[in-house]
PDB file of N, CA and C in Angstrom:
ATOM      1  N   MET A   1     -17.217 -12.870  -6.585  1.00  0.00           N
ATOM      2  CA  MET A   1     -16.533 -11.849  -5.787  1.00  0.00           C
ATOM      3  C   MET A   1     -16.881 -10.737  -6.268  1.00  0.00           C
ATOM      4  N   SER A   2     -16.753  -9.449  -6.017  1.00  0.00           N
ATOM      5  CA  SER A   2     -16.643  -8.117  -6.178  1.00  0.00           C
ATOM      6  C   SER A   2     -15.199  -7.430  -6.284  1.00  0.00           C
ATOM      7  N   TRP A   3     -15.411  -5.943  -7.625  1.00  0.00           N
ATOM      8  CA  TRP A   3     -14.473  -5.753  -8.096  1.00  0.00           C
ATOM      9  C   TRP A   3     -13.334  -5.461  -6.736  1.00  0.00           C
ATOM     10  N   PHE A   4     -14.684  -4.716  -5.532  1.00  0.00           N
ATOM     11  CA  PHE A   4     -14.061  -4.383  -4.912  1.00  0.00           C
ATOM     12  C   PHE A   4     -12.571  -5.133  -3.698  1.00  0.00           C
ATOM     13  N   SER A   5     -13.630  -6.056  -3.635  1.00  0.00           N
ATOM     14  CA  SER A   5     -12.694  -7.183  -2.833  1.00  0.00           C
ATOM     15  C   SER A   5     -11.839  -7.847  -3.299  1.00  0.00           C
ATOM     16  N   ARG A   6     -11.486  -7.816  -4.615  1.00  0.00           N
ATOM     17  CA  ARG A   6     -10.786  -8.241  -5.948  1.00  0.00           C
ATOM     18  C   ARG A   6      -9.495  -7.366  -5.686  1.00  0.00           C
ATOM     19  N   ASN A   7      -9.739  -6.314  -5.995  1.00  0.00           N
ATOM     20  CA  ASN A   7      -8.609  -4.581  -6.245  1.00  0.00           C
ATOM     21  C   ASN A   7      -8.749  -4.191  -5.368  1.00  0.00           C
ATOM     22  N   VAL A   8      -9.420  -4.419  -4.135  1.00  0.00           N
ATOM     23  CA  VAL A   8      -9.009  -3.165  -3.030  1.00  0.00           C
ATOM     24  C   VAL A   8      -8.826  -3.141  -1.346  1.00  0.00           C
ATOM     25  N   THR A   9      -8.351  -4.816  -1.220  1.00  0.00           N
ATOM     26  CA  THR A   9      -8.943  -5.391   0.083  1.00  0.00           C
ATOM     27  C   THR A   9      -7.686  -6.476  -0.029  1.00  0.00           C
ATOM     28  N   ASN A  10      -7.748  -7.096  -1.608  1.00  0.00           N
ATOM     29  CA  ASN A  10      -6.293  -8.187  -1.878  1.00  0.00           C
ATOM     30  C   ASN A  10      -4.883  -7.383  -1.160  1.00  0.00           C
ATOM     31  N   ILE A  11      -3.840  -8.706  -0.947  1.00  0.00           N
ATOM     32  CA  ILE A  11      -2.673  -8.021  -0.492  1.00  0.00           C
ATOM     33  C   ILE A  11      -2.043  -7.478  -2.468  1.00  0.00           C
ATOM     34  N   PRO A  12      -1.318  -6.371  -2.119  1.00  0.00           N
ATOM     35  CA  PRO A  12      -0.768  -6.883  -3.514  1.00  0.00           C
ATOM     36  C   PRO A  12       0.894  -7.951  -3.544  1.00  0.00           C
ATOM     37  N   ALA A  13       0.474  -8.274  -4.649  1.00  0.00           N
ATOM     38  CA  ALA A  13       1.526  -8.915  -5.175  1.00  0.00           C
ATOM     39  C   ALA A  13       3.093  -7.934  -4.705  1.00  0.00           C
ATOM     40  N   PRO A  14       4.056  -9.550  -5.001  1.00  0.00           N
ATOM     41  CA  PRO A  14       5.601  -8.928  -4.955  1.00  0.00           C
ATOM     42  C   PRO A  14       6.055  -8.260  -5.732  1.00  0.00           C
ATOM     43  N   MET A  15       6.872  -7.229  -5.712  1.00  0.00           N
ATOM     44  CA  MET A  15       7.543  -7.090  -6.824  1.00  0.00           C
ATOM     45  C   MET A  15       8.983  -7.221  -7.052  1.00  0.00           C
ATOM     46  N   SER A  16       9.081  -7.549  -8.014  1.00  0.00           N
ATOM     47  CA  SER A  16      10.376  -7.700  -8.995  1.00  0.00           C
ATOM     48  C   SER A  16      11.311  -6.839  -7.329  1.00  0.00           C
ATOM     49  N   PRO A  17      12.529  -7.310  -7.295  1.00  0.00           N
ATOM     50  CA  PRO A  17      13.495  -6.672  -6.604  1.00  0.00           C
ATOM     51  C   PRO A  17      13.718  -5.606  -6.994  1.00  0.00           C
ATOM     52  N   ARG A  18      14.396  -5.461  -8.505  1.00  0.00           N
ATOM     53  CA  ARG A  18      15.144  -4.134  -9.004  1.00  0.00           C
ATOM     54  C   ARG A  18      13.562  -3.100  -9.010  1.00  0.00           C
ATOM     55  N   VAL A  19      12.537  -3.268  -9.733  1.00  0.00           N
ATOM     56  CA  VAL A  19      11.736  -2.520  -9.035  1.00  0.00           C
ATOM     57  C   VAL A  19      10.878  -1.626  -7.685  1.00  0.00           C
ATOM     58  N   ALA A  20      11.448  -3.118  -6.628  1.00  0.00           N
ATOM     59  CA  ALA A  20      11.136  -2.653  -5.471  1.00  0.00           C
ATOM     60  C   ALA A  20      12.089  -1.508  -4.805  1.00  0.00           C
ATOM     61  N   LYS A  21      13.596  -1.674  -5.178  1.00  0.00           N
ATOM     62  CA  LYS A  21      14.842  -0.907  -5.218  1.00  0.00           C
ATOM     63  C   LYS A  21      14.284   1.326  -5.177  1.00  0.00           C
ATOM     64  N   ILE A  22      13.938   0.942  -6.849  1.00  0.00           N
ATOM     65  CA  ILE A  22      13.188   2.035  -7.870  1.00  0.00           C
ATOM     66  C   ILE A  22      11.892   2.647  -6.828  1.00  0.00           C
ATOM     67  N   PHE A  23      11.231   1.826  -6.111  1.00  0.00           N
ATOM     68  CA  PHE A  23      10.075   2.054  -5.502  1.00  0.00           C
ATOM     69  C   PHE A  23      10.353   2.384  -4.341  1.00  0.00           C
ATOM     70  N   ILE A  24      11.553   2.361  -3.150  1.00  0.00           N
ATOM     71  CA  ILE A  24      12.072   2.840  -2.066  1.00  0.00           C
ATOM     72  C   ILE A  24      12.357   4.009  -2.845  1.00  0.00           C
ATOM     73  N   ALA A  25      13.315   4.402  -3.470  1.00  0.00           N
ATOM     74  CA  ALA A  25      13.792   5.817  -4.094  1.00  0.00           C
ATOM     75  C   ALA A  25      12.642   6.517  -4.254  1.00  0.00           C
ATOM     76  N   LEU A  26      11.555   6.989  -5.201  1.00  0.00           N
ATOM     77  CA  LEU A  26      10.622   7.344  -5.213  1.00  0.00           C
ATOM     78  C   LEU A  26       9.645   7.165  -3.712  1.00  0.00           C
ATOM     79  N   SER A  27       9.742   6.299  -2.888  1.00  0.00           N
ATOM     80  CA  SER A  27       9.419   6.330  -1.808  1.00  0.00           C
ATOM     81  C   SER A  27       9.810   7.301  -0.868  1.00  0.00           C
ATOM     82  N   LEU A  28      11.555   7.685  -0.610  1.00  0.00           N
ATOM     83  CA  LEU A  28      11.730   8.749   0.003  1.00  0.00           C
ATOM     84  C   LEU A  28      11.350  10.144  -0.722  1.00  0.00           C
ATOM     85  N   PHE A  29      11.340  10.235  -1.774  1.00  0.00           N
ATOM     86  CA  PHE A  29      11.375  11.673  -2.754  1.00  0.00           C
ATOM     87  C   PHE A  29      10.331  11.865  -2.051  1.00  0.00           C
ATOM     88  N   THR A  30       8.952  11.097  -2.312  1.00  0.00           N
ATOM     89  CA  THR A  30       7.829  11.777  -1.585  1.00  0.00           C
ATOM     90  C   THR A  30       7.348  11.884  -0.796  1.00  0.00           C
ATOM     91  N   LEU A  31       8.416  11.334   0.588  1.00  0.00           N
ATOM     92  CA  LEU A  31       7.777  11.880   1.928  1.00  0.00           C
ATOM     93  C   LEU A  31       8.617  12.515   2.000  1.00  0.00           C
ATOM     94  N   ALA A  32       9.930  13.024   1.262  1.00  0.00           N
ATOM     95  CA  ALA A  32      11.143  14.121   1.049  1.00  0.00           C
ATOM     96  C   ALA A  32       9.596  15.738   0.962  1.00  0.00           C
ATOM     97  N   LEU A  33       8.774  15.267  -0.493  1.00  0.00           N
ATOM     98  CA  LEU A  33       7.866  16.327  -0.604  1.00  0.00           C
ATOM     99  C   LEU A  33       6.854  16.213   0.148  1.00  0.00           C
ATOM    100  N   GLY A  34       6.511  15.127   0.450  1.00  0.00           N
ATOM    101  CA  GLY A  34       5.097  16.221   1.377  1.00  0.00           C
ATOM    102  C   GLY A  34       5.757  16.678   2.479  1.00  0.00           C
ATOM    103  N   PHE A  35       6.609  17.004   3.149  1.00  0.00           N
ATOM    104  CA  PHE A  35       7.760  16.842   4.899  1.00  0.00           C
ATOM    105  C   PHE A  35       7.412  18.819   4.153  1.00  0.00           C
ATOM    106  N   SER A  36       7.957  19.014   3.059  1.00  0.00           N
ATOM    107  CA  SER A  36       7.775  20.516   2.217  1.00  0.00           C
ATOM    108  C   SER A  36       6.972  21.383   2.512  1.00  0.00           C
ATOM    109  N   ALA A  37       5.654  20.912   2.982  1.00  0.00           N
ATOM    110  CA  ALA A  37       4.640  21.152   2.704  1.00  0.00           C
ATOM    111  C   ALA A  37       3.984  21.739   4.057  1.00  0.00           C
ATOM    112  N   VAL A  38       5.489  21.669   5.177  1.00  0.00           N
ATOM    113  CA  VAL A  38       5.393  22.717   6.585  1.00  0.00           C
ATOM    114  C   VAL A  38       6.094  23.697   5.779  1.00  0.00           C
ATOM    115  N   PHE A  39       6.859  24.100   5.022  1.00  0.00           N
ATOM    116  CA  PHE A  39       7.339  25.340   4.746  1.00  0.00           C
ATOM    117  C   PHE A  39       6.383  26.099   3.395  1.00  0.00           C
ATOM    118  N   ILE A  40       6.025  25.124   2.691  1.00  0.00           N
ATOM    119  CA  ILE A  40       5.335  25.865   1.598  1.00  0.00           C
ATOM    120  C   ILE A  40       3.671  26.449   2.075  1.00  0.00           C
ATOM    121  N   TYR A  41       2.991  25.675   2.719  1.00  0.00           N
ATOM    122  CA  TYR A  41       1.358  25.915   2.995  1.00  0.00           C
ATOM    123  C   TYR A  41       1.179  25.879   4.545  1.00  0.00           C
ATOM    124  N   ASP A  42      -0.219  26.470   4.699  1.00  0.00           N
ATOM    125  CA  ASP A  42      -0.339  26.502   6.091  1.00  0.00           C
ATOM    126  C   ASP A  42      -1.830  26.281   6.157  1.00  0.00           C
ATOM    127  N   GLY A  43      -2.002  25.827   7.648  1.00  0.00           N
ATOM    128  CA  GLY A  43      -3.763  25.706   7.713  1.00  0.00           C
ATOM    129  C   GLY A  43      -4.072  24.073   6.967  1.00  0.00           C
ATOM    130  N   MET A  44      -5.047  24.084   7.037  1.00  0.00           N
ATOM    131  CA  MET A  44      -5.722  22.670   6.751  1.00  0.00           C
ATOM    132  C   MET A  44      -5.071  22.266   5.855  1.00  0.00           C
ATOM    133  N   THR A  45      -4.136  22.848   4.349  1.00  0.00           N
ATOM    134  CA  THR A  45      -3.694  22.517   3.682  1.00  0.00           C
ATOM    135  C   THR A  45      -2.466  21.938   3.783  1.00  0.00           C
ATOM    136  N   ARG A  46      -1.807  22.593   4.479  1.00  0.00           N
ATOM    137  CA  ARG A  46      -0.741  21.687   5.221  1.00  0.00           C
ATOM    138  C   ARG A  46      -0.616  20.196   5.649  1.00  0.00           C
ATOM    139  N   PHE A  47      -1.910  20.062   6.518  1.00  0.00           N
ATOM    140  CA  PHE A  47      -2.366  18.973   7.306  1.00  0.00           C
ATOM    141  C   PHE A  47      -2.047  17.796   6.331  1.00  0.00           C
ATOM    142  N   PHE A  48      -3.771  18.264   5.224  1.00  0.00           N
ATOM    143  CA  PHE A  48      -3.433  17.423   4.339  1.00  0.00           C
ATOM    144  C   PHE A  48      -2.495  16.640   3.546  1.00  0.00           C
ATOM    145  N   TYR A  49      -1.412  17.725   3.187  1.00  0.00           N
ATOM    146  CA  TYR A  49      -0.577  17.937   2.338  1.00  0.00           C
ATOM    147  C   TYR A  49       0.257  16.545   3.150  1.00  0.00           C
ATOM    148  N   VAL A  50       1.362  16.814   4.044  1.00  0.00           N
ATOM    149  CA  VAL A  50       1.849  16.479   4.342  1.00  0.00           C
ATOM    150  C   VAL A  50       1.055  14.768   5.184  1.00  0.00           C
ATOM    151  N   VAL A  51       0.127  15.241   5.417  1.00  0.00           N
ATOM    152  CA  VAL A  51      -0.917  13.404   5.469  1.00  0.00           C
ATOM    153  C   VAL A  51      -0.783  12.570   4.313  1.00  0.00           C
ATOM    154  N   ALA A  52      -1.413  12.895   3.362  1.00  0.00           N
ATOM    155  CA  ALA A  52      -1.440  12.225   2.014  1.00  0.00           C
ATOM    156  C   ALA A  52      -0.315  11.795   1.631  1.00  0.00           C
ATOM    157  N   PHE A  53       0.778  12.597   1.714  1.00  0.00           N
ATOM    158  CA  PHE A  53       1.765  12.691   0.822  1.00  0.00           C
ATOM    159  C   PHE A  53       2.787  11.605   1.540  1.00  0.00           C
ATOM    160  N   SER A  54       2.720  11.184   3.188  1.00  0.00           N
ATOM    161  CA  SER A  54       3.269  10.556   4.171  1.00  0.00           C
ATOM    162  C   SER A  54       2.342   9.247   4.170  1.00  0.00           C
ATOM    163  N   ALA A  55       1.497   9.331   3.932  1.00  0.00           N
ATOM    164  CA  ALA A  55       0.868   8.102   4.081  1.00  0.00           C
ATOM    165  C   ALA A  55       0.667   7.482   2.411  1.00  0.00           C
ATOM    166  N   MET A  56       1.155   7.657   1.907  1.00  0.00           N
ATOM    167  CA  MET A  56       1.692   7.183   0.188  1.00  0.00           C
ATOM    168  C   MET A  56       2.891   6.831   0.557  1.00  0.00           C
ATOM    169  N   SER A  57       3.857   7.556   0.917  1.00  0.00           N
ATOM    170  CA  SER A  57       5.155   7.068   1.252  1.00  0.00           C
ATOM    171  C   SER A  57       5.569   5.467   1.583  1.00  0.00           C
ATOM    172  N   ILE A  58       4.592   5.395   2.531  1.00  0.00           N
ATOM    173  CA  ILE A  58       4.795   4.666   3.904  1.00  0.00           C
ATOM    174  C   ILE A  58       3.796   3.724   3.703  1.00  0.00           C
ATOM    175  N   ALA A  59       3.143   3.873   2.355  1.00  0.00           N
ATOM    176  CA  ALA A  59       2.354   2.243   1.986  1.00  0.00           C
ATOM    177  C   ALA A  59       3.319   1.844   1.114  1.00  0.00           C
ATOM    178  N   ASN A  60       4.272   2.269   0.297  1.00  0.00           N
ATOM    179  CA  ASN A  60       5.165   2.142  -1.059  1.00  0.00           C
ATOM    180  C   ASN A  60       5.983   1.773  -0.406  1.00  0.00           C
ATOM    181  N   LEU A  61       6.530   2.616   0.486  1.00  0.00           N
ATOM    182  CA  LEU A  61       8.013   1.610   1.786  1.00  0.00           C
ATOM    183  C   LEU A  61       7.390   0.453   2.216  1.00  0.00           C
ATOM    184  N   LEU A  62       6.344   0.435   2.648  1.00  0.00           N
ATOM    185  CA  LEU A  62       5.898  -1.293   3.135  1.00  0.00           C
ATOM    186  C   LEU A  62       5.526  -2.477   2.551  1.00  0.00           C
ATOM    187  N   TRP A  63       5.051  -1.641   1.158  1.00  0.00           N
ATOM    188  CA  TRP A  63       4.855  -3.001  -0.506  1.00  0.00           C
ATOM    189  C   TRP A  63       6.764  -3.067  -0.643  1.00  0.00           C
ATOM    190  N   ALA A  64       7.263  -2.630  -0.662  1.00  0.00           N
ATOM    191  CA  ALA A  64       8.689  -2.214  -1.710  1.00  0.00           C
ATOM    192  C   ALA A  64       9.473  -3.360  -0.495  1.00  0.00           C
ATOM    193  N   ALA A  65       9.795  -2.957   0.613  1.00  0.00           N
ATOM    194  CA  ALA A  65      10.934  -3.999   1.588  1.00  0.00           C
ATOM    195  C   ALA A  65       9.535  -5.451   1.978  1.00  0.00           C
ATOM    196  N   GLY A  66       8.166  -5.354   2.016  1.00  0.00           N
ATOM    197  CA  GLY A  66       8.002  -6.958   1.977  1.00  0.00           C
ATOM    198  C   GLY A  66       8.185  -7.735   0.806  1.00  0.00           C
ATOM    199  N   SER A  67       8.322  -6.891  -0.809  1.00  0.00           N
ATOM    200  CA  SER A  67       8.590  -7.608  -1.501  1.00  0.00           C
ATOM    201  C   SER A  67      10.281  -8.184  -1.261  1.00  0.00           C
ATOM    202  N   LEU A  68      11.038  -6.885  -1.042  1.00  0.00           N
ATOM    203  CA  LEU A  68      12.437  -7.906  -0.695  1.00  0.00           C
ATOM    204  C   LEU A  68      12.714  -8.356   0.263  1.00  0.00           C
ATOM    205  N   GLN A  69      11.907  -8.632   1.252  1.00  0.00           N
ATOM    206  CA  GLN A  69      12.086  -9.916   1.927  1.00  0.00           C
ATOM    207  C   GLN A  69      12.563 -10.962   1.880  1.00  0.00           C
ATOM    208  N   ARG A  70      12.863 -11.798   2.554  1.00  0.00           N
ATOM    209  CA  ARG A  70      13.154 -13.556   2.037  1.00  0.00           C
ATOM    210  C   ARG A  70      12.377 -14.396   2.440  1.00  0.00           C
ATOM    211  N   ASP A  71      11.563 -13.784   3.679  1.00  0.00           N
ATOM    212  CA  ASP A  71      10.972 -14.844   4.482  1.00  0.00           C
ATOM    213  C   ASP A  71       9.785 -14.629   4.127  1.00  0.00           C
ATOM    214  N   PRO A  72       8.382 -16.061   3.271  1.00  0.00           N
ATOM    215  CA  PRO A  72       7.426 -15.894   2.771  1.00  0.00           C
ATOM    216  C   PRO A  72       6.301 -14.995   3.724  1.00  0.00           C
ATOM    217  N   ALA A  73       6.279 -15.317   5.282  1.00  0.00           N
ATOM    218  CA  ALA A  73       5.658 -14.732   6.038  1.00  0.00           C
ATOM    219  C   ALA A  73       6.213 -12.762   6.951  1.00  0.00           C
ATOM    220  N   ARG A  74       7.126 -12.581   6.581  1.00  0.00           N
ATOM    221  CA  ARG A  74       7.196 -11.300   6.423  1.00  0.00           C
ATOM    222  C   ARG A  74       6.838 -10.430   5.355  1.00  0.00           C
ATOM    223  N   SER A  75       7.179 -10.813   4.652  1.00  0.00           N
ATOM    224  CA  SER A  75       6.950  -9.651   3.519  1.00  0.00           C
ATOM    225  C   SER A  75       5.481  -9.843   2.577  1.00  0.00           C
ATOM    226  N   LEU A  76       4.527 -11.617   3.203  1.00  0.00           N
ATOM    227  CA  LEU A  76       2.895 -11.056   3.202  1.00  0.00           C
ATOM    228  C   LEU A  76       2.651 -10.053   4.449  1.00  0.00           C
ATOM    229  N   GLN A  77       3.044  -9.918   5.874  1.00  0.00           N
ATOM    230  CA  GLN A  77       2.846  -8.907   6.562  1.00  0.00           C
ATOM    231  C   GLN A  77       2.980  -7.750   6.087  1.00  0.00           C
ATOM    232  N   LEU A  78       4.066  -7.467   5.869  1.00  0.00           N
ATOM    233  CA  LEU A  78       4.179  -6.253   5.500  1.00  0.00           C
ATOM    234  C   LEU A  78       4.070  -5.786   4.369  1.00  0.00           C
ATOM    235  N   ARG A  79       3.740  -6.170   3.253  1.00  0.00           N
ATOM    236  CA  ARG A  79       2.310  -6.120   2.174  1.00  0.00           C
ATOM    237  C   ARG A  79       1.472  -5.349   2.342  1.00  0.00           C
ATOM    238  N   ALA A  80       0.847  -6.625   3.514  1.00  0.00           N
ATOM    239  CA  ALA A  80      -0.857  -6.283   4.159  1.00  0.00           C
ATOM    240  C   ALA A  80      -1.327  -5.035   5.450  1.00  0.00           C
ATOM    241  N   ALA A  81       0.626  -4.680   5.506  1.00  0.00           N
ATOM    242  CA  ALA A  81       0.765  -3.788   6.772  1.00  0.00           C
ATOM    243  C   ALA A  81       0.340  -2.553   6.036  1.00  0.00           C
ATOM    244  N   MET A  82       1.010  -2.590   4.434  1.00  0.00           N
ATOM    245  CA  MET A  82       0.679  -0.802   3.907  1.00  0.00           C
ATOM    246  C   MET A  82      -0.847  -0.488   4.065  1.00  0.00           C
ATOM    247  N   ARG A  83      -1.578  -1.409   3.172  1.00  0.00           N
ATOM    248  CA  ARG A  83      -3.396  -1.504   2.982  1.00  0.00           C
ATOM    249  C   ARG A  83      -3.937  -0.441   3.829  1.00  0.00           C
ATOM    250  N   PRO A  84      -4.028   0.164   5.396  1.00  0.00           N
ATOM    251  CA  PRO A  84      -4.362   0.952   6.330  1.00  0.00           C
ATOM    252  C   PRO A  84      -3.725   1.976   5.237  1.00  0.00           C
ATOM    253  N   PHE A  85      -2.150   2.715   5.328  1.00  0.00           N
ATOM    254  CA  PHE A  85      -1.952   3.663   4.772  1.00  0.00           C
ATOM    255  C   PHE A  85      -1.876   4.088   3.710  1.00  0.00           C
ATOM    256  N   ALA A  86      -2.643   3.300   2.725  1.00  0.00           N
ATOM    257  CA  ALA A  86      -3.191   3.488   1.502  1.00  0.00           C
ATOM    258  C   ALA A  86      -4.706   4.596   1.092  1.00  0.00           C
ATOM    259  N   PHE A  87      -5.669   3.235   2.768  1.00  0.00           N
ATOM    260  CA  PHE A  87      -6.693   4.401   2.273  1.00  0.00           C
ATOM    261  C   PHE A  87      -6.348   5.317   2.699  1.00  0.00           C
ATOM    262  N   LEU A  88      -5.724   5.238   3.296  1.00  0.00           N
ATOM    263  CA  LEU A  88      -4.658   7.013   4.460  1.00  0.00           C
ATOM    264  C   LEU A  88      -4.967   8.337   2.787  1.00  0.00           C
ATOM    265  N   MET A  89      -4.157   7.630   2.195  1.00  0.00           N
ATOM    266  CA  MET A  89      -3.666   8.200   1.563  1.00  0.00           C
ATOM    267  C   MET A  89      -4.956   8.590   0.309  1.00  0.00           C
ATOM    268  N   LEU A  90      -5.593   7.101   0.372  1.00  0.00           N
ATOM    269  CA  LEU A  90      -6.490   7.734  -0.933  1.00  0.00           C
ATOM    270  C   LEU A  90      -7.996   8.706  -0.680  1.00  0.00           C
ATOM    271  N   ALA A  91      -7.784   8.905   0.824  1.00  0.00           N
ATOM    272  CA  ALA A  91      -8.753   9.722   1.323  1.00  0.00           C
ATOM    273  C   ALA A  91      -8.438  11.134   1.786  1.00  0.00           C
ATOM    274  N   THR A  92      -7.201  11.052   1.855  1.00  0.00           N
ATOM    275  CA  THR A  92      -6.260  12.520   2.091  1.00  0.00           C
ATOM    276  C   THR A  92      -5.800  12.980   0.831  1.00  0.00           C
ATOM    277  N   LEU A  93      -5.795  12.299   0.085  1.00  0.00           N
ATOM    278  CA  LEU A  93      -4.902  13.399  -1.238  1.00  0.00           C
ATOM    279  C   LEU A  93      -5.834  14.169  -2.229  1.00  0.00           C
ATOM    280  N   PRO A  94      -7.166  13.704  -2.169  1.00  0.00           N
ATOM    281  CA  PRO A  94      -8.137  14.379  -2.655  1.00  0.00           C
ATOM    282  C   PRO A  94      -8.291  16.112  -2.042  1.00  0.00           C
ATOM    283  N   VAL A  95      -8.399  15.679  -0.846  1.00  0.00           N
ATOM    284  CA  VAL A  95      -8.617  16.900  -0.398  1.00  0.00           C
ATOM    285  C   VAL A  95      -7.624  17.943  -0.384  1.00  0.00           C
ATOM    286  N   ALA A  96      -6.735  17.361  -0.493  1.00  0.00           N
ATOM    287  CA  ALA A  96      -4.821  18.316  -0.589  1.00  0.00           C
ATOM    288  C   ALA A  96      -5.192  18.604  -1.725  1.00  0.00           C
ATOM    289  N   ALA A  97      -5.291  18.113  -2.377  1.00  0.00           N
ATOM    290  CA  ALA A  97      -5.185  18.621  -4.214  1.00  0.00           C
ATOM    291  C   ALA A  97      -6.592  19.591  -4.154  1.00  0.00           C
ATOM    292  N   TRP A  98      -7.459  19.584  -3.722  1.00  0.00           N
ATOM    293  CA  TRP A  98      -9.103  20.239  -3.642  1.00  0.00           C
ATOM    294  C   TRP A  98      -8.347  21.842  -2.805  1.00  0.00           C
ATOM    295  N   LEU A  99      -7.226  21.839  -2.056  1.00  0.00           N
ATOM    296  CA  LEU A  99      -7.545  22.482  -1.122  1.00  0.00           C
ATOM    297  C   LEU A  99      -6.014  23.218  -1.454  1.00  0.00           C
ATOM    298  N   VAL A 100      -5.210  22.610  -2.499  1.00  0.00           N
ATOM    299  CA  VAL A 100      -4.273  23.369  -3.356  1.00  0.00           C
ATOM    300  C   VAL A 100      -4.676  23.932  -4.603  1.00  0.00           C
ATOM    301  N   LEU A 101      -5.328  23.280  -4.612  1.00  0.00           N
ATOM    302  CA  LEU A 101      -5.881  23.995  -6.187  1.00  0.00           C
ATOM    303  C   LEU A 101      -7.285  25.115  -5.534  1.00  0.00           C
ATOM    304  N   PHE A 102      -7.914  25.310  -4.972  1.00  0.00           N
ATOM    305  CA  PHE A 102      -8.997  26.211  -4.810  1.00  0.00           C
ATOM    306  C   PHE A 102      -9.190  26.780  -3.435  1.00  0.00           C
ATOM    307  N   GLY A 103      -8.044  26.684  -2.516  1.00  0.00           N
ATOM    308  CA  GLY A 103      -7.474  27.843  -1.263  1.00  0.00           C
ATOM    309  C   GLY A 103      -8.332  26.899  -0.867  1.00  0.00           C
ATOM    310  N   GLN A 104      -8.390  27.367   1.206  1.00  0.00           N
ATOM    311  CA  GLN A 104      -9.287  26.958   2.199  1.00  0.00           C
ATOM    312  C   GLN A 104     -10.206  28.092   2.146  1.00  0.00           C
TER     313      GLN A 104
END
């Protein structure tokens, strides 16, 4: 088993309820931070910043919500649903950082 399949394609383990609730609060803050880019940046910087932070927030919200589910099947589905958003965040966050630091 390779590092990629072990660490990237696997469904994340559930968090404890306390950590999941903290993640939900932090994810909502990150979502607000992402949407603040609408007023701060323009052009492609705005687009990549909003997409990156929104994807990060949605991925964390799905992971936390899946961790709080009592039904194991529903928990697994929610935690698996976060992976596309995590990949989207990993693809757009470096571009957003580059554009914020070095301009368009």
